[in-house]
């Protein structure tokens, strides 16, 4: 059964401007995530969506950082370009979320502001679906997984029916390495998001007819699995196990008493990729993804970063068209 997201994660503020909007061929939108904020700028050539630019502010959005974030990023657009602001999982957990969004509205009052939203996980998933189907309309059955910093969206489509799953955990929730000393074993510390827990065995492919042979991975999933694009989950697990064991053995052979302090840092660096891979693979296993499933890693299509902002840009284009028609 697909789980429902609690009402506390629903939108805290919804705003659509009533003023006359400039029907530019440009659209911009903020993606305020749990680790950084991006400003995406898109252009439309007819109905074709194109990337115009993408700018980053590398700190989480919060009550103490929102003004600085906006000041930094808004210098990249002019006030006549339609702009929307969307926050995701990081702000869904923030007790100041409503206040932060009000600051955003006030700060952007002189801009061509279309919409300010705290997106639900389902809305992120819908944006991902719209983006995927825009680029790949020929794929009728699919399984999509998009992992961000603090949430994961999963979409399963078979025979025209879609199932959505949203889990409030992401790559920043992964298990951490703990080092007692340079010569100690690497240990895993379980945190509150233990992906081997039964609560994560949602098994979205239950009762399917096995029409889904591929999993399309996005964002943090794509980052971790990019080098294995086109391989099955079983092949990826074997490659990862062999590579991580060999890398750690090679490193430990090079440790000397005179380099213990430096090598603690080196060892953590070597293990970081394996740490991410263990988390991602564990997540896929707990989701009951079959080992013969082929993993397709998606990051950019036609120079566009493929995730929910693309779908949201298409949605905004329709809003602008409707407002100008009416």
C-alpha atoms as a PDB file:
ATOM      1  CA  UNK A   1       0.000   0.000   0.000  1.00  0.00           C
ATOM      2  CA  UNK A   2       1.313   3.451  -0.898  1.00  0.00           C
ATOM      3  CA  UNK A   3       1.897   5.537   2.207  1.00  0.00           C
ATOM      4  CA  UNK A   4       0.309   8.951   2.600  1.00  0.00           C
ATOM      5  CA  UNK A   5       2.402  11.927   3.656  1.00  0.00           C
ATOM      6  CA  UNK A   6       1.204  13.497   6.879  1.00  0.00           C
ATOM      7  CA  UNK A   7      -0.638  16.813   6.671  1.00  0.00           C
ATOM      8  CA  UNK A   8       2.187  18.600   8.454  1.00  0.00           C
ATOM      9  CA  UNK A   9       4.226  18.212   5.252  1.00  0.00           C
ATOM     10  CA  UNK A  10       1.589  19.897   3.106  1.00  0.00           C
ATOM     11  CA  UNK A  11       2.147  23.376   1.741  1.00  0.00           C
ATOM     12  CA  UNK A  12       2.570  26.073   4.402  1.00  0.00           C
ATOM     13  CA  UNK A  13       2.104  28.996   2.039  1.00  0.00           C
ATOM     14  CA  UNK A  14       0.573  29.206  -1.405  1.00  0.00           C
ATOM     15  CA  UNK A  15       0.859  32.335  -3.504  1.00  0.00           C
ATOM     16  CA  UNK A  16       0.191  33.091  -7.151  1.00  0.00           C
ATOM     17  CA  UNK A  17       0.523  36.656  -8.320  1.00  0.00           C
ATOM     18  CA  UNK A  18      -2.579  38.388  -9.665  1.00  0.00           C
ATOM     19  CA  UNK A  19      -0.628  41.099 -11.419  1.00  0.00           C
ATOM     20  CA  UNK A  20      -0.107  41.159 -15.162  1.00  0.00           C
ATOM     21  CA  UNK A  21       2.778  38.844 -15.995  1.00  0.00           C
ATOM     22  CA  UNK A  22       5.383  39.496 -18.630  1.00  0.00           C
ATOM     23  CA  UNK A  23       5.057  36.780 -21.286  1.00  0.00           C
ATOM     24  CA  UNK A  24       8.789  36.425 -21.736  1.00  0.00           C
ATOM     25  CA  UNK A  25      10.399  33.431 -23.373  1.00  0.00           C
ATOM     26  CA  UNK A  26      12.383  33.126 -20.115  1.00  0.00           C
ATOM     27  CA  UNK A  27      11.272  31.438 -16.899  1.00  0.00           C
ATOM     28  CA  UNK A  28      13.269  31.268 -13.683  1.00  0.00           C
ATOM     29  CA  UNK A  29      12.690  29.265 -10.527  1.00  0.00           C
ATOM     30  CA  UNK A  30      14.359  28.717  -7.186  1.00  0.00           C
ATOM     31  CA  UNK A  31      14.982  25.191  -5.912  1.00  0.00           C
ATOM     32  CA  UNK A  32      15.634  25.618  -2.180  1.00  0.00           C
ATOM     33  CA  UNK A  33      16.883  22.208  -1.086  1.00  0.00           C
ATOM     34  CA  UNK A  34      18.230  20.862   2.187  1.00  0.00           C
ATOM     35  CA  UNK A  35      21.892  21.574   1.383  1.00  0.00           C
ATOM     36  CA  UNK A  36      21.834  24.469  -1.101  1.00  0.00           C
ATOM     37  CA  UNK A  37      19.608  26.679  -3.235  1.00  0.00           C
ATOM     38  CA  UNK A  38      19.680  26.761  -7.029  1.00  0.00           C
ATOM     39  CA  UNK A  39      18.304  29.350  -9.380  1.00  0.00           C
ATOM     40  CA  UNK A  40      17.338  27.735 -12.681  1.00  0.00           C
ATOM     41  CA  UNK A  41      16.769  29.922 -15.729  1.00  0.00           C
ATOM     42  CA  UNK A  42      15.023  28.348 -18.715  1.00  0.00           C
ATOM     43  CA  UNK A  43      14.070  29.639 -22.132  1.00  0.00           C
ATOM     44  CA  UNK A  44      11.393  28.428 -24.517  1.00  0.00           C
ATOM     45  CA  UNK A  45      11.937  28.260 -28.255  1.00  0.00           C
ATOM     46  CA  UNK A  46       8.408  27.513 -29.348  1.00  0.00           C
ATOM     47  CA  UNK A  47       7.485  24.611 -27.079  1.00  0.00           C
ATOM     48  CA  UNK A  48      11.087  23.441 -26.648  1.00  0.00           C
ATOM     49  CA  UNK A  49      12.518  23.955 -23.161  1.00  0.00           C
ATOM     50  CA  UNK A  50      16.171  25.030 -23.076  1.00  0.00           C
ATOM     51  CA  UNK A  51      18.642  25.760 -20.303  1.00  0.00           C
ATOM     52  CA  UNK A  52      19.700  29.377 -20.036  1.00  0.00           C
ATOM     53  CA  UNK A  53      21.642  29.213 -16.775  1.00  0.00           C
ATOM     54  CA  UNK A  54      21.900  27.663 -13.306  1.00  0.00           C
ATOM     55  CA  UNK A  55      23.318  29.425 -10.246  1.00  0.00           C
ATOM     56  CA  UNK A  56      24.060  28.052  -6.776  1.00  0.00           C
ATOM     57  CA  UNK A  57      24.142  29.322  -3.208  1.00  0.00           C
ATOM     58  CA  UNK A  58      25.916  26.694  -1.127  1.00  0.00           C
ATOM     59  CA  UNK A  59      24.265  26.757   2.282  1.00  0.00           C
ATOM     60  CA  UNK A  60      20.946  25.435   3.574  1.00  0.00           C
ATOM     61  CA  UNK A  61      18.032  27.845   3.460  1.00  0.00           C
ATOM     62  CA  UNK A  62      17.056  29.002   6.934  1.00  0.00           C
ATOM     63  CA  UNK A  63      15.778  31.979   8.875  1.00  0.00           C
ATOM     64  CA  UNK A  64      19.357  33.301   9.175  1.00  0.00           C
ATOM     65  CA  UNK A  65      20.385  32.636   5.559  1.00  0.00           C
ATOM     66  CA  UNK A  66      17.310  33.455   3.462  1.00  0.00           C
ATOM     67  CA  UNK A  67      18.156  37.148   2.877  1.00  0.00           C
ATOM     68  CA  UNK A  68      21.749  36.344   1.957  1.00  0.00           C
ATOM     69  CA  UNK A  69      20.638  33.557  -0.383  1.00  0.00           C
ATOM     70  CA  UNK A  70      18.166  35.760  -2.239  1.00  0.00           C
ATOM     71  CA  UNK A  71      20.559  38.701  -2.522  1.00  0.00           C
ATOM     72  CA  UNK A  72      23.224  36.434  -3.988  1.00  0.00           C
ATOM     73  CA  UNK A  73      21.017  34.698  -6.537  1.00  0.00           C
ATOM     74  CA  UNK A  74      18.611  37.418  -7.630  1.00  0.00           C
ATOM     75  CA  UNK A  75      21.444  39.419  -9.167  1.00  0.00           C
ATOM     76  CA  UNK A  76      21.376  36.855 -11.990  1.00  0.00           C
ATOM     77  CA  UNK A  77      17.936  37.840 -13.285  1.00  0.00           C
ATOM     78  CA  UNK A  78      16.180  41.065 -14.157  1.00  0.00           C
ATOM     79  CA  UNK A  79      12.964  42.067 -12.438  1.00  0.00           C
ATOM     80  CA  UNK A  80      10.786  41.480 -15.532  1.00  0.00           C
ATOM     81  CA  UNK A  81      11.593  37.759 -15.876  1.00  0.00           C
ATOM     82  CA  UNK A  82       8.843  35.509 -14.400  1.00  0.00           C
ATOM     83  CA  UNK A  83      10.242  33.863 -11.264  1.00  0.00           C
ATOM     84  CA  UNK A  84       8.907  31.307  -8.782  1.00  0.00           C
ATOM     85  CA  UNK A  85      10.305  30.096  -5.487  1.00  0.00           C
ATOM     86  CA  UNK A  86      10.007  26.464  -4.364  1.00  0.00           C
ATOM     87  CA  UNK A  87      11.306  24.930  -1.144  1.00  0.00           C
ATOM     88  CA  UNK A  88      11.484  21.183  -0.525  1.00  0.00           C
ATOM     89  CA  UNK A  89      12.240  18.665   2.245  1.00  0.00           C
ATOM     90  CA  UNK A  90      14.711  20.778   4.216  1.00  0.00           C
ATOM     91  CA  UNK A  91      12.107  23.486   4.803  1.00  0.00           C
ATOM     92  CA  UNK A  92       9.286  21.001   5.400  1.00  0.00           C
ATOM     93  CA  UNK A  93      11.063  20.141   8.663  1.00  0.00           C
ATOM     94  CA  UNK A  94      11.858  23.754   9.609  1.00  0.00           C
ATOM     95  CA  UNK A  95       9.668  25.312  12.303  1.00  0.00           C
ATOM     96  CA  UNK A  96      10.275  28.724  10.716  1.00  0.00           C
ATOM     97  CA  UNK A  97       9.108  27.669   7.251  1.00  0.00           C
ATOM     98  CA  UNK A  98       6.120  30.041   7.090  1.00  0.00           C
ATOM     99  CA  UNK A  99       8.193  32.967   8.282  1.00  0.00           C
ATOM    100  CA  UNK A 100      10.957  32.172   5.774  1.00  0.00           C
ATOM    101  CA  UNK A 101       8.498  32.090   2.872  1.00  0.00           C
ATOM    102  CA  UNK A 102       7.013  35.424   3.958  1.00  0.00           C
ATOM    103  CA  UNK A 103      10.522  36.911   3.901  1.00  0.00           C
ATOM    104  CA  UNK A 104      10.949  35.512   0.389  1.00  0.00           C
ATOM    105  CA  UNK A 105       7.684  37.118  -0.749  1.00  0.00           C
ATOM    106  CA  UNK A 106       8.661  40.489   0.704  1.00  0.00           C
ATOM    107  CA  UNK A 107      12.212  40.367  -0.679  1.00  0.00           C
ATOM    108  CA  UNK A 108      10.955  39.532  -4.170  1.00  0.00           C
ATOM    109  CA  UNK A 109       8.049  41.984  -4.234  1.00  0.00           C
ATOM    110  CA  UNK A 110       9.661  44.048  -7.009  1.00  0.00           C
ATOM    111  CA  UNK A 111      10.180  40.999  -9.219  1.00  0.00           C
ATOM    112  CA  UNK A 112       7.799  39.350 -11.666  1.00  0.00           C
ATOM    113  CA  UNK A 113       6.779  36.842  -9.019  1.00  0.00           C
ATOM    114  CA  UNK A 114       4.518  33.998 -10.143  1.00  0.00           C
ATOM    115  CA  UNK A 115       4.434  31.545  -7.270  1.00  0.00           C
ATOM    116  CA  UNK A 116       5.907  30.794  -3.843  1.00  0.00           C
ATOM    117  CA  UNK A 117       5.442  27.265  -2.556  1.00  0.00           C
ATOM    118  CA  UNK A 118       6.633  24.784  -0.001  1.00  0.00           C
ATOM    119  CA  UNK A 119       6.306  21.707  -2.201  1.00  0.00           C
ATOM    120  CA  UNK A 120       5.079  18.404  -0.877  1.00  0.00           C
ATOM    121  CA  UNK A 121       7.002  15.256  -1.715  1.00  0.00           C
ATOM    122  CA  UNK A 122       4.192  14.241  -4.060  1.00  0.00           C
ATOM    123  CA  UNK A 123       4.521  17.518  -5.960  1.00  0.00           C
ATOM    124  CA  UNK A 124       8.244  16.887  -6.394  1.00  0.00           C
ATOM    125  CA  UNK A 125       7.395  13.433  -7.752  1.00  0.00           C
ATOM    126  CA  UNK A 126       4.841  14.877 -10.180  1.00  0.00           C
ATOM    127  CA  UNK A 127       7.436  17.382 -11.415  1.00  0.00           C
ATOM    128  CA  UNK A 128       9.857  14.511 -12.023  1.00  0.00           C
ATOM    129  CA  UNK A 129       7.195  12.593 -13.970  1.00  0.00           C
ATOM    130  CA  UNK A 130       6.405  15.639 -16.122  1.00  0.00           C
ATOM    131  CA  UNK A 131      10.115  16.127 -16.865  1.00  0.00           C
ATOM    132  CA  UNK A 132      10.678  12.449 -17.686  1.00  0.00           C
ATOM    133  CA  UNK A 133       7.638  12.156 -19.938  1.00  0.00           C
ATOM    134  CA  UNK A 134       8.532  15.421 -21.694  1.00  0.00           C
ATOM    135  CA  UNK A 135      11.845  13.926 -22.813  1.00  0.00           C
ATOM    136  CA  UNK A 136      10.818  10.265 -23.095  1.00  0.00           C
ATOM    137  CA  UNK A 137       7.156  10.107 -24.153  1.00  0.00           C
ATOM    138  CA  UNK A 138       7.768   6.758 -25.832  1.00  0.00           C
ATOM    139  CA  UNK A 139       8.480   4.943 -22.528  1.00  0.00           C
ATOM    140  CA  UNK A 140       5.106   3.620 -21.355  1.00  0.00           C
ATOM    141  CA  UNK A 141       6.157   1.683 -18.241  1.00  0.00           C
ATOM    142  CA  UNK A 142       8.843   2.936 -15.889  1.00  0.00           C
ATOM    143  CA  UNK A 143      10.281   3.087 -12.379  1.00  0.00           C
ATOM    144  CA  UNK A 144      11.797   6.428 -11.317  1.00  0.00           C
ATOM    145  CA  UNK A 145      13.806   7.103  -8.154  1.00  0.00           C
ATOM    146  CA  UNK A 146      14.971  10.588  -7.211  1.00  0.00           C
ATOM    147  CA  UNK A 147      16.916  11.018  -3.963  1.00  0.00           C
ATOM    148  CA  UNK A 148      17.731  14.452  -2.625  1.00  0.00           C
ATOM    149  CA  UNK A 149      19.325  15.522   0.627  1.00  0.00           C
ATOM    150  CA  UNK A 150      16.382  14.716   2.905  1.00  0.00           C
ATOM    151  CA  UNK A 151      13.685  13.042   0.821  1.00  0.00           C
ATOM    152  CA  UNK A 152      13.245  10.423  -1.860  1.00  0.00           C
ATOM    153  CA  UNK A 153      10.534  10.270  -4.519  1.00  0.00           C
ATOM    154  CA  UNK A 154       9.639   7.020  -6.236  1.00  0.00           C
ATOM    155  CA  UNK A 155       7.240   6.736  -9.166  1.00  0.00           C
ATOM    156  CA  UNK A 156       6.089   3.449 -10.643  1.00  0.00           C
ATOM    157  CA  UNK A 157       4.020   3.392 -13.835  1.00  0.00           C
ATOM    158  CA  UNK A 158       2.609   0.235 -15.352  1.00  0.00           C
ATOM    159  CA  UNK A 159      -0.218  -0.104 -17.899  1.00  0.00           C
ATOM    160  CA  UNK A 160      -1.064   3.577 -17.547  1.00  0.00           C
ATOM    161  CA  UNK A 161      -1.397   3.453 -13.755  1.00  0.00           C
ATOM    162  CA  UNK A 162       1.003   5.490 -11.589  1.00  0.00           C
ATOM    163  CA  UNK A 163       1.981   4.826  -7.988  1.00  0.00           C
ATOM    164  CA  UNK A 164       3.837   7.414  -5.918  1.00  0.00           C
ATOM    165  CA  UNK A 165       5.968   6.837  -2.851  1.00  0.00           C
ATOM    166  CA  UNK A 166       7.601   9.612  -0.839  1.00  0.00           C
ATOM    167  CA  UNK A 167      10.071   8.844   1.925  1.00  0.00           C
ATOM    168  CA  UNK A 168      11.383  11.585   4.184  1.00  0.00           C
ATOM    169  CA  UNK A 169      14.976  10.427   4.079  1.00  0.00           C
ATOM    170  CA  UNK A 170      17.800  11.209   1.664  1.00  0.00           C
ATOM    171  CA  UNK A 171      21.509  11.015   1.022  1.00  0.00           C
ATOM    172  CA  UNK A 172      22.320  13.321   3.960  1.00  0.00           C
ATOM    173  CA  UNK A 173      20.709  10.697   6.228  1.00  0.00           C
ATOM    174  CA  UNK A 174      23.163   8.011   5.189  1.00  0.00           C
ATOM    175  CA  UNK A 175      25.074   5.925   7.686  1.00  0.00           C
ATOM    176  CA  UNK A 176      28.299   7.554   8.819  1.00  0.00           C
ATOM    177  CA  UNK A 177      31.715   6.082   9.341  1.00  0.00           C
ATOM    178  CA  UNK A 178      33.183   6.195  12.796  1.00  0.00           C
ATOM    179  CA  UNK A 179      36.956   5.992  13.367  1.00  0.00           C
ATOM    180  CA  UNK A 180      38.236   5.031  16.814  1.00  0.00           C
ATOM    181  CA  UNK A 181      41.862   5.218  15.608  1.00  0.00           C
ATOM    182  CA  UNK A 182      43.859   4.864  12.428  1.00  0.00           C
ATOM    183  CA  UNK A 183      44.184   1.132  13.004  1.00  0.00           C
ATOM    184  CA  UNK A 184      40.621   0.440  14.063  1.00  0.00           C
ATOM    185  CA  UNK A 185      38.001  -1.218  11.931  1.00  0.00           C
ATOM    186  CA  UNK A 186      35.572   0.997  10.109  1.00  0.00           C
ATOM    187  CA  UNK A 187      32.214   0.844  11.871  1.00  0.00           C
ATOM    188  CA  UNK A 188      28.751   1.865  10.757  1.00  0.00           C
ATOM    189  CA  UNK A 189      26.606   3.966  13.063  1.00  0.00           C
ATOM    190  CA  UNK A 190      22.871   3.531  12.610  1.00  0.00           C
ATOM    191  CA  UNK A 191      20.899   6.769  12.701  1.00  0.00           C
ATOM    192  CA  UNK A 192      17.137   7.358  12.898  1.00  0.00           C
ATOM    193  CA  UNK A 193      16.789   6.651   9.152  1.00  0.00           C
ATOM    194  CA  UNK A 194      17.805   3.003   9.252  1.00  0.00           C
ATOM    195  CA  UNK A 195      17.038   1.805   5.755  1.00  0.00           C
ATOM    196  CA  UNK A 196      17.177  -1.862   6.742  1.00  0.00           C
ATOM    197  CA  UNK A 197      14.188  -1.273   9.043  1.00  0.00           C
ATOM    198  CA  UNK A 198      10.927  -2.934   8.090  1.00  0.00           C
ATOM    199  CA  UNK A 199       9.334   0.509   7.720  1.00  0.00           C
ATOM    200  CA  UNK A 200      11.322   0.987   4.527  1.00  0.00           C
ATOM    201  CA  UNK A 201      10.268  -2.283   2.913  1.00  0.00           C
ATOM    202  CA  UNK A 202       7.522  -0.565   0.922  1.00  0.00           C
ATOM    203  CA  UNK A 203       8.099  -2.841  -2.114  1.00  0.00           C
ATOM    204  CA  UNK A 204       6.444  -0.589  -4.684  1.00  0.00           C
ATOM    205  CA  UNK A 205       6.620  -3.314  -7.333  1.00  0.00           C
ATOM    206  CA  UNK A 206       4.340  -5.717  -5.460  1.00  0.00           C
ATOM    207  CA  UNK A 207       1.761  -7.422  -7.700  1.00  0.00           C
ATOM    208  CA  UNK A 208       3.393  -6.091 -10.879  1.00  0.00           C
ATOM    209  CA  UNK A 209       3.550  -8.044 -14.096  1.00  0.00           C
ATOM    210  CA  UNK A 210       7.305  -7.507 -14.303  1.00  0.00           C
ATOM    211  CA  UNK A 211       6.985  -5.062 -17.193  1.00  0.00           C
ATOM    212  CA  UNK A 212       9.617  -2.882 -15.533  1.00  0.00           C
ATOM    213  CA  UNK A 213      13.092  -4.059 -16.485  1.00  0.00           C
ATOM    214  CA  UNK A 214      14.927  -0.792 -15.822  1.00  0.00           C
ATOM    215  CA  UNK A 215      15.204   1.679 -12.970  1.00  0.00           C
ATOM    216  CA  UNK A 216      15.805   5.333 -13.873  1.00  0.00           C
ATOM    217  CA  UNK A 217      17.939   7.021 -11.215  1.00  0.00           C
ATOM    218  CA  UNK A 218      18.102  10.768 -10.560  1.00  0.00           C
ATOM    219  CA  UNK A 219      19.918  13.268  -8.313  1.00  0.00           C
ATOM    220  CA  UNK A 220      21.877  11.552  -5.498  1.00  0.00           C
ATOM    221  CA  UNK A 221      20.969   8.122  -6.905  1.00  0.00           C
ATOM    222  CA  UNK A 222      22.379   9.176 -10.254  1.00  0.00           C
ATOM    223  CA  UNK A 223      25.518  10.672  -8.677  1.00  0.00           C
ATOM    224  CA  UNK A 224      26.319   7.430  -6.885  1.00  0.00           C
ATOM    225  CA  UNK A 225      25.378   5.091  -9.750  1.00  0.00           C
ATOM    226  CA  UNK A 226      26.574   7.106 -12.758  1.00  0.00           C
ATOM    227  CA  UNK A 227      29.721   5.037 -13.302  1.00  0.00           C
ATOM    228  CA  UNK A 228      27.599   1.861 -13.409  1.00  0.00           C
ATOM    229  CA  UNK A 229      25.069   3.130 -15.944  1.00  0.00           C
ATOM    230  CA  UNK A 230      23.525   0.241 -17.893  1.00  0.00           C
ATOM    231  CA  UNK A 231      24.549  -2.480 -15.450  1.00  0.00           C
ATOM    232  CA  UNK A 232      22.206  -4.588 -13.343  1.00  0.00           C
ATOM    233  CA  UNK A 233      21.857  -4.077  -9.610  1.00  0.00           C
ATOM    234  CA  UNK A 234      23.534  -7.457  -9.030  1.00  0.00           C
ATOM    235  CA  UNK A 235      26.540  -6.456 -11.152  1.00  0.00           C
ATOM    236  CA  UNK A 236      26.810  -3.116  -9.359  1.00  0.00           C
ATOM    237  CA  UNK A 237      26.814  -4.800  -5.946  1.00  0.00           C
ATOM    238  CA  UNK A 238      29.643  -7.135  -6.939  1.00  0.00           C
ATOM    239  CA  UNK A 239      31.751  -4.362  -8.482  1.00  0.00           C
ATOM    240  CA  UNK A 240      31.233  -2.144  -5.451  1.00  0.00           C
ATOM    241  CA  UNK A 241      32.149  -4.887  -2.970  1.00  0.00           C
ATOM    242  CA  UNK A 242      35.348  -5.787  -4.819  1.00  0.00           C
ATOM    243  CA  UNK A 243      36.428  -2.169  -5.380  1.00  0.00           C
ATOM    244  CA  UNK A 244      35.793  -0.979  -1.830  1.00  0.00           C
ATOM    245  CA  UNK A 245      37.546  -3.952  -0.245  1.00  0.00           C
ATOM    246  CA  UNK A 246      40.593  -3.518  -2.475  1.00  0.00           C
ATOM    247  CA  UNK A 247      40.776   0.249  -1.939  1.00  0.00           C
ATOM    248  CA  UNK A 248      40.634  -0.131   1.832  1.00  0.00           C
ATOM    249  CA  UNK A 249      43.213  -2.946   1.889  1.00  0.00           C
ATOM    250  CA  UNK A 250      45.556  -0.926  -0.309  1.00  0.00           C
ATOM    251  CA  UNK A 251      45.208   2.083   1.961  1.00  0.00           C
ATOM    252  CA  UNK A 252      45.791   0.149   5.169  1.00  0.00           C
ATOM    253  CA  UNK A 253      49.009  -1.335   3.750  1.00  0.00           C
ATOM    254  CA  UNK A 254      50.372   2.184   3.340  1.00  0.00           C
ATOM    255  CA  UNK A 255      49.720   3.349   6.907  1.00  0.00           C
ATOM    256  CA  UNK A 256      52.832   3.919   9.034  1.00  0.00           C
ATOM    257  CA  UNK A 257      53.140   5.067  12.632  1.00  0.00           C
ATOM    258  CA  UNK A 258      54.426   8.460  11.485  1.00  0.00           C
ATOM    259  CA  UNK A 259      51.372   9.143   9.319  1.00  0.00           C
ATOM    260  CA  UNK A 260      48.523   8.089  11.568  1.00  0.00           C
ATOM    261  CA  UNK A 261      46.886  11.523  11.896  1.00  0.00           C
ATOM    262  CA  UNK A 262      47.040  12.330   8.178  1.00  0.00           C
ATOM    263  CA  UNK A 263      45.790   8.926   7.213  1.00  0.00           C
ATOM    264  CA  UNK A 264      42.638   9.234   9.305  1.00  0.00           C
ATOM    265  CA  UNK A 265      41.533  11.951   6.884  1.00  0.00           C
ATOM    266  CA  UNK A 266      42.782   9.993   3.868  1.00  0.00           C
ATOM    267  CA  UNK A 267      40.946   6.895   4.982  1.00  0.00           C
ATOM    268  CA  UNK A 268      37.687   8.802   5.426  1.00  0.00           C
ATOM    269  CA  UNK A 269      38.066  10.249   1.941  1.00  0.00           C
ATOM    270  CA  UNK A 270      38.645   6.814   0.410  1.00  0.00           C
ATOM    271  CA  UNK A 271      35.641   5.393   2.224  1.00  0.00           C
ATOM    272  CA  UNK A 272      33.244   8.232   1.393  1.00  0.00           C
ATOM    273  CA  UNK A 273      32.233   6.879  -2.020  1.00  0.00           C
ATOM    274  CA  UNK A 274      31.793   3.406  -0.563  1.00  0.00           C
ATOM    275  CA  UNK A 275      29.683   4.878   2.216  1.00  0.00           C
ATOM    276  CA  UNK A 276      27.340   6.519  -0.307  1.00  0.00           C
ATOM    277  CA  UNK A 277      27.192   3.355  -2.398  1.00  0.00           C
ATOM    278  CA  UNK A 278      26.371   1.184   0.616  1.00  0.00           C
ATOM    279  CA  UNK A 279      23.486   3.495   1.483  1.00  0.00           C
ATOM    280  CA  UNK A 280      22.104   3.663  -2.058  1.00  0.00           C
ATOM    281  CA  UNK A 281      22.395  -0.081  -2.661  1.00  0.00           C
ATOM    282  CA  UNK A 282      20.871  -0.809   0.748  1.00  0.00           C
ATOM    283  CA  UNK A 283      17.980   1.476  -0.129  1.00  0.00           C
ATOM    284  CA  UNK A 284      17.396  -0.332  -3.428  1.00  0.00           C
ATOM    285  CA  UNK A 285      17.543  -3.720  -1.727  1.00  0.00           C
ATOM    286  CA  UNK A 286      15.054  -2.652   0.947  1.00  0.00           C
ATOM    287  CA  UNK A 287      12.790  -1.484  -1.895  1.00  0.00           C
ATOM    288  CA  UNK A 288      12.823  -5.053  -3.250  1.00  0.00           C
ATOM    289  CA  UNK A 289      14.455  -4.011  -6.533  1.00  0.00           C
ATOM    290  CA  UNK A 290      15.374  -7.218  -8.357  1.00  0.00           C
ATOM    291  CA  UNK A 291      19.078  -7.873  -8.938  1.00  0.00           C
ATOM    292  CA  UNK A 292      18.465  -8.251 -12.684  1.00  0.00           C
ATOM    293  CA  UNK A 293      17.002  -4.735 -12.925  1.00  0.00           C
ATOM    294  CA  UNK A 294      19.111  -2.505 -15.185  1.00  0.00           C
ATOM    295  CA  UNK A 295      20.043   0.848 -13.640  1.00  0.00           C
ATOM    296  CA  UNK A 296      19.885   3.900 -15.894  1.00  0.00           C
ATOM    297  CA  UNK A 297      21.579   6.991 -14.477  1.00  0.00           C
ATOM    298  CA  UNK A 298      20.123  10.331 -15.572  1.00  0.00           C
ATOM    299  CA  UNK A 299      21.684  13.729 -14.920  1.00  0.00           C
ATOM    300  CA  UNK A 300      21.429  15.897 -18.014  1.00  0.00           C
ATOM    301  CA  UNK A 301      19.295  15.679 -21.141  1.00  0.00           C
ATOM    302  CA  UNK A 302      19.824  18.350 -23.793  1.00  0.00           C
ATOM    303  CA  UNK A 303      22.000  20.141 -21.200  1.00  0.00           C
ATOM    304  CA  UNK A 304      19.067  20.261 -18.760  1.00  0.00           C
ATOM    305  CA  UNK A 305      19.491  18.835 -15.248  1.00  0.00           C
ATOM    306  CA  UNK A 306      16.705  16.273 -15.207  1.00  0.00           C
ATOM    307  CA  UNK A 307      14.668  16.540 -12.023  1.00  0.00           C
ATOM    308  CA  UNK A 308      11.431  18.084 -10.753  1.00  0.00           C
ATOM    309  CA  UNK A 309      12.388  21.745 -11.624  1.00  0.00           C
ATOM    310  CA  UNK A 310      12.107  20.903 -15.337  1.00  0.00           C
ATOM    311  CA  UNK A 311       8.565  19.626 -14.806  1.00  0.00           C
ATOM    312  CA  UNK A 312       7.760  22.682 -12.726  1.00  0.00           C
ATOM    313  CA  UNK A 313       9.068  24.982 -15.484  1.00  0.00           C
ATOM    314  CA  UNK A 314       6.695  23.315 -17.948  1.00  0.00           C
ATOM    315  CA  UNK A 315       3.852  23.832 -15.469  1.00  0.00           C
ATOM    316  CA  UNK A 316       4.751  27.530 -15.075  1.00  0.00           C
ATOM    317  CA  UNK A 317       4.773  27.967 -18.840  1.00  0.00           C
ATOM    318  CA  UNK A 318       1.155  26.787 -18.909  1.00  0.00           C
ATOM    319  CA  UNK A 319       0.197  29.187 -16.084  1.00  0.00           C
ATOM    320  CA  UNK A 320       1.722  32.122 -17.961  1.00  0.00           C
ATOM    321  CA  UNK A 321      -0.061  31.167 -21.150  1.00  0.00           C
ATOM    322  CA  UNK A 322      -3.435  30.907 -19.410  1.00  0.00           C
ATOM    323  CA  UNK A 323      -3.031  34.251 -17.663  1.00  0.00           C
ATOM    324  CA  UNK A 324      -2.128  36.010 -20.879  1.00  0.00           C
ATOM    325  CA  UNK A 325      -4.991  34.368 -22.804  1.00  0.00           C
ATOM    326  CA  UNK A 326      -7.478  35.438 -20.141  1.00  0.00           C
END
